[in-house]
Amino acid sequence: MEEQVKACIEKIRPYLQHDGGDLEFVRIEEGGIVVVRMLGACANCLSIFDTLTAGVEAILMDEVDGVTKVVLDEQPSFMSEEDFF
């Protein structure tokens, strides 16, 4: 599953890079939880959780069997996910 996740992330990255951001695979945890790191403009963007869930998570869950969730390796220092949900 890890190779499939990495390949899928490589397909997503150019879209984020177009806006000055990037995405990095960190690891897969038990239960199919994919841990990623958002870089560049994405790391400080107020839409980070929308990008993560509606973009990255939706694509990975659709294309890679076994992916159940996508989470950030580290929360942005200026906000927490609870601020948005």
Foldseek 3Di string as FASTA:
>chain_A
DVVQLVVLQVVVAVVQVVVQKGKAWDDADPQQETEIAIGTPLLPDPCVVVCQVVNSLVSCVVRPPRHDYYYYPDHRPVDDPVVPD
